[in-house]
Amino acid sequence: MADTPTAAPTAELSLDQLNLLLQLGDSALPTGAFSHSYGLESYLAHGTISGEEELHQWLVTYLHTQLTCTDALVMRWMYEGHSSPPVLDALLDAAVVPVQVRAASHKMGRQLARIVPELLPSAAAPRGGWPRHYCLVFALAGHAGGVPLLPLLQTYLMGSVTSLVQNAVRAVPLGQLAGQRVLAALREPVSAAACRALELDEDDFGTTAPGLEIAQMRHEHLRARMFMS
């Protein structure tokens, strides 16, 4: 794999590429995503989210701000060779203000970097090693597998909201069927977000909802916690 990969044209997925995406996006992939709520637990503790509708609204906000304008945009830059992995890591370190969220991305990134050579034995780490942040390792894994950018972004975004819905099923508590209804309602927003990430520019990077960041920072001060972020 080159240090700064060049974008592959969007094309129909081969079965092997589809299988790779299904494996990367599988919630059973041992990255530790089940340990993180990305601020959701703070909202639960304050009673802001108590059911299906509130969860859906929160996920849409999270999807259209941090997930799209930070994670998906920097994944596109990684995939297209916009900058080197260390530069993009530094940008994410600066943009992701809540300490727990930044630490979660680093921990999951390290774990995914250990897994990628098992999924893709031919995948070589960039010079200097894999990036620190999870979304960047995910982007490089997809590129190494020849996956076109758009389905790669869509898989990342859908996997992210799926993990959060599964955590909400445990924490709200939310019924399994309610969780699946939330995911079904998010399919179209996720597709729109992946397409939008292809059109964003540098001025959009780091766009977030202040209330979301505050909730993420408050998490470490909760009296009782199920999740690490």
Protein backbone atom coordinates (compact mmCIF):
# COMPACT_ATOMS: atom_id res chain seq x y z
CA MET A 1 0.00 0.00 0.00
CA ALA A 2 1.35 3.45 -0.88
CA ASP A 3 1.90 6.04 1.84
CA THR A 4 -0.66 8.36 0.23
CA PRO A 5 -3.08 6.16 -1.72
CA THR A 6 -4.70 7.33 -4.92
CA ALA A 7 -8.47 7.17 -5.19
CA ALA A 8 -9.94 4.20 -7.03
CA PRO A 9 -12.88 4.97 -9.30
CA THR A 10 -16.33 4.21 -7.96
CA ALA A 11 -17.34 0.87 -9.43
CA GLU A 12 -19.59 -2.06 -8.81
CA LEU A 13 -18.36 -4.07 -5.84
CA SER A 14 -16.91 -7.49 -6.44
CA LEU A 15 -18.09 -10.24 -4.13
CA ASP A 16 -14.71 -10.22 -2.40
CA GLN A 17 -14.93 -6.46 -1.80
CA LEU A 18 -18.48 -6.86 -0.51
CA ASN A 19 -17.37 -9.59 1.86
CA LEU A 20 -14.57 -7.36 3.15
CA LEU A 21 -17.03 -4.53 3.80
CA LEU A 22 -19.42 -6.86 5.58
CA GLN A 23 -16.58 -8.03 7.82
CA LEU A 24 -15.24 -4.51 8.50
CA GLY A 25 -18.74 -3.26 9.29
CA ASP A 26 -19.72 -6.22 11.44
CA SER A 27 -20.45 -5.22 15.04
CA ALA A 28 -18.81 -8.51 16.09
CA LEU A 29 -15.43 -7.29 14.81
CA PRO A 30 -13.39 -7.02 18.02
CA THR A 31 -12.54 -3.31 17.95
CA GLY A 32 -14.08 -2.45 21.34
CA ALA A 33 -16.94 -0.35 19.91
CA PHE A 34 -19.33 -1.90 22.44
CA SER A 35 -17.44 -0.04 25.21
CA HIS A 36 -18.18 3.46 23.89
CA SER A 37 -21.31 5.60 23.72
CA TYR A 38 -19.76 8.85 22.36
CA GLY A 39 -21.80 11.00 24.71
CA LEU A 40 -25.04 9.00 24.48
CA GLU A 41 -24.72 7.86 28.09
CA SER A 42 -24.59 11.50 29.27
CA TYR A 43 -27.91 12.16 27.55
CA LEU A 44 -29.37 9.04 29.12
CA ALA A 45 -28.19 10.09 32.57
CA HIS A 46 -29.86 13.48 32.22
CA GLY A 47 -33.10 12.02 30.85
CA THR A 48 -32.76 13.71 27.45
CA ILE A 49 -32.94 10.35 25.67
CA SER A 50 -35.44 7.91 27.09
CA GLY A 51 -36.87 6.11 24.09
CA GLU A 52 -36.86 5.31 20.41
CA GLU A 53 -37.71 8.74 18.99
CA GLU A 54 -35.17 10.64 21.08
CA LEU A 55 -32.49 8.09 20.18
CA HIS A 56 -33.25 8.48 16.49
CA GLN A 57 -33.04 12.28 16.69
CA TRP A 58 -29.73 12.13 18.58
CA LEU A 59 -28.21 9.71 16.08
CA VAL A 60 -29.24 11.89 13.12
CA THR A 61 -27.53 14.88 14.76
CA TYR A 62 -24.39 12.86 15.51
CA LEU A 63 -24.39 11.45 11.96
CA HIS A 64 -24.73 14.82 10.22
CA THR A 65 -22.11 16.59 12.35
CA GLN A 66 -19.20 14.65 13.87
CA LEU A 67 -19.51 11.44 11.89
CA THR A 68 -19.81 13.13 8.49
CA CYS A 69 -17.84 16.36 8.87
CA THR A 70 -14.99 14.89 10.88
CA ASP A 71 -14.71 11.11 10.44
CA ALA A 72 -16.04 10.62 6.91
CA LEU A 73 -14.37 13.74 5.51
CA VAL A 74 -10.93 12.83 6.88
CA MET A 75 -11.43 9.26 5.65
CA ARG A 76 -11.93 10.67 2.16
CA TRP A 77 -8.73 12.70 2.50
CA MET A 78 -6.88 9.59 3.65
CA TYR A 79 -8.23 7.52 0.77
CA GLU A 80 -7.48 10.21 -1.84
CA GLY A 81 -3.98 10.95 -0.58
CA HIS A 82 -4.89 14.49 0.52
CA SER A 83 -2.26 14.34 3.31
CA SER A 84 -0.05 11.82 5.07
CA PRO A 85 -1.37 9.67 7.95
CA PRO A 86 0.55 11.68 10.62
CA VAL A 87 -0.89 14.98 9.35
CA LEU A 88 -4.44 13.61 9.33
CA ASP A 89 -3.93 12.09 12.78
CA ALA A 90 -2.86 15.51 14.04
CA LEU A 91 -5.90 17.16 12.45
CA LEU A 92 -8.19 14.70 14.22
CA ASP A 93 -6.38 15.16 17.52
CA ALA A 94 -7.07 18.90 17.22
CA ALA A 95 -10.67 18.55 16.03
CA VAL A 96 -11.85 15.91 18.51
CA VAL A 97 -11.98 17.99 21.70
CA PRO A 98 -13.47 15.51 24.24
CA VAL A 99 -10.61 13.50 25.72
CA GLN A 100 -12.61 10.27 26.06
CA VAL A 101 -13.76 10.35 22.44
CA ARG A 102 -10.22 10.96 21.21
CA ALA A 103 -8.93 8.11 23.40
CA ALA A 104 -11.70 5.82 22.10
CA SER A 105 -10.65 6.49 18.51
CA HIS A 106 -7.02 5.74 19.36
CA LYS A 107 -7.88 2.49 21.17
CA MET A 108 -10.15 1.26 18.39
CA GLY A 109 -7.59 2.32 15.79
CA ARG A 110 -4.86 0.26 17.45
CA GLN A 111 -7.13 -2.75 17.62
CA LEU A 112 -8.25 -2.48 13.99
CA ALA A 113 -4.62 -2.09 12.89
CA ARG A 114 -3.90 -5.44 14.56
CA ILE A 115 -6.86 -7.04 12.78
CA VAL A 116 -6.30 -5.72 9.24
CA PRO A 117 -3.34 -8.00 8.41
CA GLU A 118 -5.54 -10.97 9.34
CA LEU A 119 -8.30 -9.78 7.00
CA LEU A 120 -5.92 -8.70 4.24
CA PRO A 121 -2.58 -10.50 4.50
CA SER A 122 -1.23 -8.46 1.59
CA ALA A 123 -2.00 -5.11 3.29
CA ALA A 124 1.19 -3.32 4.28
CA ALA A 125 1.24 -0.60 6.92
CA PRO A 126 2.20 2.86 5.64
CA ARG A 127 5.73 4.10 6.33
CA GLY A 128 5.85 4.92 10.04
CA GLY A 129 3.04 2.49 10.88
CA TRP A 130 -0.72 2.67 10.90
CA PRO A 131 -2.51 5.91 11.84
CA ARG A 132 -3.75 6.32 15.42
CA HIS A 133 -7.39 7.09 14.66
CA TYR A 134 -9.89 4.35 13.93
CA CYS A 135 -11.54 6.02 10.93
CA LEU A 136 -8.15 6.43 9.20
CA VAL A 137 -7.20 2.79 9.71
CA PHE A 138 -10.65 1.85 8.37
CA ALA A 139 -10.06 3.99 5.26
CA LEU A 140 -6.66 2.41 4.61
CA ALA A 141 -8.08 -1.10 5.10
CA GLY A 142 -10.79 -0.44 2.53
CA HIS A 143 -8.30 1.05 0.10
CA ALA A 144 -6.01 -1.97 0.49
CA GLY A 145 -8.96 -4.20 -0.37
CA GLY A 146 -9.77 -2.18 -3.48
CA VAL A 147 -13.14 -1.02 -2.12
CA PRO A 148 -14.53 2.11 -3.82
CA LEU A 149 -14.74 5.16 -1.58
CA LEU A 150 -18.51 5.69 -1.43
CA PRO A 151 -19.47 2.20 -0.19
CA LEU A 152 -16.50 2.34 2.19
CA LEU A 153 -17.83 5.55 3.76
CA GLN A 154 -21.36 4.16 3.88
CA THR A 155 -20.15 1.00 5.64
CA TYR A 156 -18.22 3.03 8.22
CA LEU A 157 -21.16 5.33 8.95
CA MET A 158 -23.71 2.52 9.15
CA GLY A 159 -21.41 0.48 11.36
CA SER A 160 -20.96 3.45 13.69
CA VAL A 161 -24.67 4.05 14.20
CA THR A 162 -25.33 0.31 14.47
CA SER A 163 -22.89 0.01 17.37
CA LEU A 164 -24.57 2.93 19.12
CA VAL A 165 -28.03 1.47 18.62
CA GLN A 166 -26.86 -1.84 20.07
CA ASN A 167 -25.45 0.01 23.06
CA ALA A 168 -28.73 1.89 23.46
CA VAL A 169 -30.62 -1.42 23.47
CA ARG A 170 -28.59 -2.29 26.58
CA ALA A 171 -28.57 1.13 28.23
CA VAL A 172 -31.94 2.84 27.60
CA PRO A 173 -33.18 0.03 27.78
CA LEU A 174 -34.56 -0.22 24.27
CA GLY A 175 -36.23 -3.31 22.82
CA GLN A 176 -34.50 -5.19 20.03
CA LEU A 177 -37.31 -4.45 17.57
CA ALA A 178 -37.24 -0.76 18.46
CA GLY A 179 -33.51 -0.77 17.80
CA GLN A 180 -34.08 -2.29 14.36
CA ARG A 181 -36.73 0.34 13.58
CA VAL A 182 -34.21 3.06 14.44
CA LEU A 183 -31.63 1.47 12.15
CA ALA A 184 -34.15 1.12 9.32
CA ALA A 185 -35.00 4.81 9.66
CA LEU A 186 -31.28 5.67 9.49
CA ARG A 187 -30.54 3.87 6.21
CA GLU A 188 -31.48 6.82 4.02
CA PRO A 189 -29.73 9.44 6.22
CA VAL A 190 -26.58 7.30 6.24
CA SER A 191 -26.57 7.06 2.44
CA ALA A 192 -27.11 10.82 2.17
CA ALA A 193 -24.29 11.47 4.65
CA ALA A 194 -21.84 9.27 2.71
CA CYS A 195 -22.64 11.14 -0.51
CA ARG A 196 -22.37 14.49 1.29
CA ALA A 197 -18.90 13.61 2.58
CA LEU A 198 -17.72 13.47 -1.03
CA GLU A 199 -18.70 17.12 -1.51
CA LEU A 200 -17.39 18.68 1.71
CA ASP A 201 -14.29 20.88 1.76
CA GLU A 202 -11.76 22.00 4.36
CA ASP A 203 -14.09 24.66 5.77
CA ASP A 204 -16.52 21.91 6.77
CA PHE A 205 -13.97 19.88 8.70
CA GLY A 206 -14.71 19.55 12.41
CA THR A 207 -18.30 20.80 12.21
CA THR A 208 -20.10 19.63 15.33
CA ALA A 209 -23.02 20.34 17.65
CA PRO A 210 -21.79 22.13 20.80
CA GLY A 211 -24.30 20.29 22.99
CA LEU A 212 -22.96 16.97 21.75
CA GLU A 213 -19.37 17.88 22.59
CA ILE A 214 -20.41 19.11 26.03
CA ALA A 215 -22.24 15.84 26.71
CA GLN A 216 -19.16 13.91 25.60
CA MET A 217 -16.96 15.93 27.98
CA ARG A 218 -19.42 15.50 30.86
CA HIS A 219 -19.34 11.73 30.55
CA GLU A 220 -16.15 11.28 32.56
CA HIS A 221 -17.82 13.05 35.50
CA LEU A 222 -20.91 10.81 35.67
CA ARG A 223 -21.30 9.05 39.03
CA ALA A 224 -22.00 5.66 37.39
CA ARG A 225 -21.03 4.60 33.87
CA MET A 226 -21.61 1.61 31.61
CA PHE A 227 -19.38 2.91 28.82
CA MET A 228 -15.85 4.31 28.50
CA SER A 229 -16.99 7.40 26.56
